[in-house]
Amino acid sequence: VEPNQGRILVFSVEEHKVVLVAEKETKGAVYNLNSFGGKLLAGINNRIQLYRWAAREGSRELLPECSHHGNILALYVVTRGDFIV
């Protein structure tokens, strides 16, 4: 049985403190995260999801841009230039 919820937490370190930059609820377990062309690529259950950054009221937010659904869990995702492997 696949997990049905999860979340992505993005932090930064500012003046020796850890600060939460963005939080995104997901419909499944987040198995991996990669940077891809200035965006965030996530393997969530059997889906590869690409998020873009958006400014929102003095903070940043992750917005879904596109995704691909497969028949197997996206446990390992690697990027090579403009390619997702």
N, C-alpha and C. Protein backbone atom coordinates (compact mmCIF):
# COMPACT_ATOMS: atom_id res chain seq x y z
N VAL A 1 0.85 -1.17 0.00
CA VAL A 1 0.00 0.00 0.00
C VAL A 1 0.89 1.24 0.00
N GLU A 2 0.65 2.14 -0.94
CA GLU A 2 1.43 3.37 -1.02
C GLU A 2 0.94 4.39 0.01
N PRO A 3 1.85 5.17 0.59
CA PRO A 3 1.43 6.24 1.49
C PRO A 3 0.56 7.25 0.75
N ASN A 4 -0.40 7.87 1.43
CA ASN A 4 -1.30 8.80 0.74
C ASN A 4 -1.09 10.25 1.11
N GLN A 5 -0.08 10.54 1.93
CA GLN A 5 0.21 11.94 2.23
C GLN A 5 1.67 12.11 2.62
N GLY A 6 2.16 13.31 2.43
CA GLY A 6 3.52 13.66 2.80
C GLY A 6 3.68 15.16 2.70
N ARG A 7 4.90 15.64 2.83
CA ARG A 7 5.14 17.07 2.65
C ARG A 7 6.59 17.33 2.34
N ILE A 8 6.81 18.47 1.73
CA ILE A 8 8.14 18.95 1.40
C ILE A 8 8.40 20.17 2.28
N LEU A 9 9.52 20.15 2.97
CA LEU A 9 9.94 21.28 3.79
C LEU A 9 11.26 21.79 3.23
N VAL A 10 11.35 23.08 2.93
CA VAL A 10 12.57 23.69 2.42
C VAL A 10 13.06 24.69 3.46
N PHE A 11 14.32 24.52 3.87
CA PHE A 11 14.92 25.38 4.88
C PHE A 11 16.11 26.13 4.31
N SER A 12 16.45 27.25 4.94
CA SER A 12 17.69 27.95 4.65
C SER A 12 18.37 28.25 5.98
N VAL A 13 19.67 28.52 5.93
CA VAL A 13 20.41 28.88 7.12
C VAL A 13 20.74 30.36 7.03
N GLU A 14 20.26 31.14 7.99
CA GLU A 14 20.47 32.58 8.01
C GLU A 14 20.98 32.97 9.39
N GLU A 15 22.17 33.54 9.42
CA GLU A 15 22.77 33.98 10.68
C GLU A 15 22.79 32.88 11.73
N HIS A 16 23.25 31.70 11.34
CA HIS A 16 23.39 30.53 12.22
C HIS A 16 22.05 30.01 12.74
N LYS A 17 20.95 30.32 12.04
CA LYS A 17 19.64 29.81 12.41
C LYS A 17 19.01 29.11 11.20
N VAL A 18 18.27 28.04 11.46
CA VAL A 18 17.54 27.34 10.41
C VAL A 18 16.17 27.98 10.29
N VAL A 19 15.83 28.42 9.05
CA VAL A 19 14.58 29.13 8.81
C VAL A 19 13.77 28.36 7.76
N LEU A 20 12.49 28.13 8.04
CA LEU A 20 11.61 27.47 7.08
C LEU A 20 11.29 28.44 5.95
N VAL A 21 11.61 28.04 4.72
CA VAL A 21 11.38 28.88 3.54
C VAL A 21 10.04 28.55 2.89
N ALA A 22 9.74 27.26 2.76
CA ALA A 22 8.50 26.84 2.10
C ALA A 22 8.08 25.48 2.62
N GLU A 23 6.76 25.25 2.59
CA GLU A 23 6.19 23.96 2.98
C GLU A 23 5.11 23.62 1.96
N LYS A 24 5.10 22.36 1.50
CA LYS A 24 4.12 21.93 0.51
C LYS A 24 3.60 20.55 0.89
N GLU A 25 2.29 20.43 1.07
CA GLU A 25 1.66 19.13 1.32
C GLU A 25 1.62 18.35 0.00
N THR A 26 1.81 17.03 0.08
CA THR A 26 1.78 16.20 -1.12
C THR A 26 0.80 15.04 -0.91
N LYS A 27 0.35 14.48 -2.01
CA LYS A 27 -0.55 13.33 -1.97
C LYS A 27 0.26 12.06 -2.15
N GLY A 28 1.15 11.80 -1.20
CA GLY A 28 2.00 10.63 -1.24
C GLY A 28 3.33 10.91 -0.59
N ALA A 29 4.12 9.85 -0.37
CA ALA A 29 5.43 9.99 0.25
C ALA A 29 6.42 10.62 -0.72
N VAL A 30 7.22 11.53 -0.22
CA VAL A 30 8.27 12.17 -1.02
C VAL A 30 9.53 11.34 -0.85
N TYR A 31 9.95 10.66 -1.92
CA TYR A 31 11.11 9.78 -1.84
C TYR A 31 12.41 10.48 -2.18
N ASN A 32 12.37 11.52 -3.00
CA ASN A 32 13.60 12.23 -3.34
C ASN A 32 13.29 13.62 -3.85
N LEU A 33 14.31 14.49 -3.77
CA LEU A 33 14.21 15.87 -4.25
C LEU A 33 15.47 16.19 -5.02
N ASN A 34 15.31 16.91 -6.14
CA ASN A 34 16.44 17.33 -6.96
C ASN A 34 16.21 18.74 -7.45
N SER A 35 17.30 19.48 -7.61
CA SER A 35 17.22 20.76 -8.27
C SER A 35 17.22 20.51 -9.77
N PHE A 36 16.37 21.22 -10.50
CA PHE A 36 16.28 21.00 -11.96
C PHE A 36 15.92 22.32 -12.62
N GLY A 37 16.90 22.96 -13.22
CA GLY A 37 16.67 24.21 -13.94
C GLY A 37 16.12 25.32 -13.05
N GLY A 38 16.60 25.42 -11.81
CA GLY A 38 16.10 26.44 -10.90
C GLY A 38 14.75 26.10 -10.28
N LYS A 39 14.28 24.90 -10.52
CA LYS A 39 13.00 24.43 -9.98
C LYS A 39 13.27 23.24 -9.08
N LEU A 40 12.24 22.72 -8.46
CA LEU A 40 12.37 21.57 -7.56
C LEU A 40 11.67 20.37 -8.16
N LEU A 41 12.40 19.28 -8.33
CA LEU A 41 11.88 18.05 -8.90
C LEU A 41 11.72 17.03 -7.77
N ALA A 42 10.52 16.48 -7.63
CA ALA A 42 10.24 15.56 -6.53
C ALA A 42 9.72 14.23 -7.05
N GLY A 43 10.21 13.14 -6.45
CA GLY A 43 9.66 11.81 -6.70
C GLY A 43 8.65 11.51 -5.60
N ILE A 44 7.37 11.50 -5.94
CA ILE A 44 6.29 11.32 -4.98
C ILE A 44 5.49 10.09 -5.37
N ASN A 45 5.59 9.03 -4.56
CA ASN A 45 4.97 7.74 -4.89
C ASN A 45 5.34 7.33 -6.31
N ASN A 46 4.39 7.18 -7.20
CA ASN A 46 4.70 6.77 -8.57
C ASN A 46 4.67 7.94 -9.54
N ARG A 47 4.90 9.15 -9.04
CA ARG A 47 4.81 10.36 -9.86
C ARG A 47 6.10 11.18 -9.72
N ILE A 48 6.52 11.76 -10.83
CA ILE A 48 7.59 12.75 -10.84
C ILE A 48 6.90 14.10 -10.98
N GLN A 49 7.11 14.99 -10.02
CA GLN A 49 6.43 16.30 -9.98
C GLN A 49 7.47 17.40 -10.03
N LEU A 50 7.28 18.37 -10.92
CA LEU A 50 8.15 19.53 -11.02
C LEU A 50 7.43 20.73 -10.42
N TYR A 51 8.08 21.40 -9.46
CA TYR A 51 7.52 22.58 -8.81
C TYR A 51 8.33 23.80 -9.21
N ARG A 52 7.66 24.93 -9.35
CA ARG A 52 8.35 26.19 -9.59
C ARG A 52 8.20 27.06 -8.35
N TRP A 53 9.13 28.00 -8.20
CA TRP A 53 9.10 28.91 -7.06
C TRP A 53 8.27 30.12 -7.41
N ALA A 54 7.48 30.60 -6.46
CA ALA A 54 6.68 31.82 -6.65
C ALA A 54 6.77 32.65 -5.37
N ALA A 55 6.89 33.97 -5.54
CA ALA A 55 6.90 34.88 -4.39
C ALA A 55 5.46 35.08 -3.92
N ARG A 56 5.30 35.10 -2.60
CA ARG A 56 3.96 35.27 -2.05
C ARG A 56 4.05 35.99 -0.71
N GLU A 57 3.59 37.20 -0.66
CA GLU A 57 3.50 37.98 0.58
C GLU A 57 4.78 37.92 1.41
N GLY A 58 5.90 38.23 0.79
CA GLY A 58 7.17 38.25 1.51
C GLY A 58 7.80 36.89 1.75
N SER A 59 7.19 35.83 1.25
CA SER A 59 7.77 34.50 1.39
C SER A 59 7.80 33.82 0.02
N ARG A 60 8.20 32.59 -0.01
CA ARG A 60 8.24 31.83 -1.26
C ARG A 60 7.31 30.63 -1.15
N GLU A 61 6.77 30.24 -2.30
CA GLU A 61 5.82 29.14 -2.33
C GLU A 61 6.18 28.20 -3.48
N LEU A 62 5.94 26.90 -3.30
CA LEU A 62 6.14 25.91 -4.35
C LEU A 62 4.82 25.68 -5.07
N LEU A 63 4.82 25.90 -6.39
CA LEU A 63 3.62 25.68 -7.19
C LEU A 63 3.88 24.56 -8.19
N PRO A 64 2.94 23.61 -8.33
CA PRO A 64 3.14 22.52 -9.30
C PRO A 64 3.16 23.05 -10.72
N GLU A 65 4.12 22.58 -11.51
CA GLU A 65 4.23 23.01 -12.90
C GLU A 65 3.84 21.90 -13.86
N CYS A 66 4.38 20.71 -13.67
CA CYS A 66 4.01 19.57 -14.51
C CYS A 66 4.38 18.29 -13.78
N SER A 67 3.85 17.16 -14.26
CA SER A 67 4.15 15.89 -13.61
C SER A 67 4.03 14.75 -14.61
N HIS A 68 4.55 13.61 -14.22
CA HIS A 68 4.45 12.39 -15.01
C HIS A 68 4.13 11.24 -14.06
N HIS A 69 3.09 10.47 -14.39
CA HIS A 69 2.69 9.31 -13.58
C HIS A 69 3.23 8.04 -14.23
N GLY A 70 3.84 7.19 -13.42
CA GLY A 70 4.36 5.93 -13.93
C GLY A 70 3.70 4.76 -13.23
N ASN A 71 4.18 3.56 -13.53
CA ASN A 71 3.61 2.35 -12.94
C ASN A 71 4.44 1.79 -11.80
N ILE A 72 5.57 2.46 -11.48
CA ILE A 72 6.42 2.00 -10.39
C ILE A 72 6.76 3.17 -9.48
N LEU A 73 7.19 2.88 -8.26
CA LEU A 73 7.56 3.94 -7.33
C LEU A 73 8.77 4.72 -7.84
N ALA A 74 8.75 6.02 -7.67
CA ALA A 74 9.86 6.88 -8.09
C ALA A 74 10.85 7.02 -6.94
N LEU A 75 11.52 5.91 -6.63
CA LEU A 75 12.44 5.90 -5.49
C LEU A 75 13.73 6.65 -5.77
N TYR A 76 14.25 6.56 -6.99
CA TYR A 76 15.51 7.18 -7.34
C TYR A 76 15.33 8.00 -8.61
N VAL A 77 15.60 9.28 -8.53
CA VAL A 77 15.51 10.17 -9.69
C VAL A 77 16.82 10.92 -9.77
N VAL A 78 17.41 10.94 -10.97
CA VAL A 78 18.66 11.64 -11.19
C VAL A 78 18.47 12.57 -12.38
N THR A 79 19.09 13.75 -12.31
CA THR A 79 19.04 14.67 -13.43
C THR A 79 20.44 14.80 -14.05
N ARG A 80 20.47 14.90 -15.35
CA ARG A 80 21.71 15.09 -16.10
C ARG A 80 21.45 16.20 -17.13
N GLY A 81 21.86 17.42 -16.82
CA GLY A 81 21.59 18.53 -17.72
C GLY A 81 20.11 18.77 -17.83
N ASP A 82 19.57 18.67 -19.05
CA ASP A 82 18.14 18.87 -19.30
C ASP A 82 17.34 17.58 -19.27
N PHE A 83 17.94 16.50 -18.77
CA PHE A 83 17.29 15.20 -18.77
C PHE A 83 16.99 14.73 -17.36
N ILE A 84 15.85 14.04 -17.20
CA ILE A 84 15.49 13.39 -15.95
C ILE A 84 15.60 11.90 -16.19
N VAL A 85 16.44 11.22 -15.39
CA VAL A 85 16.69 9.80 -15.59
C VAL A 85 15.99 9.00 -14.50
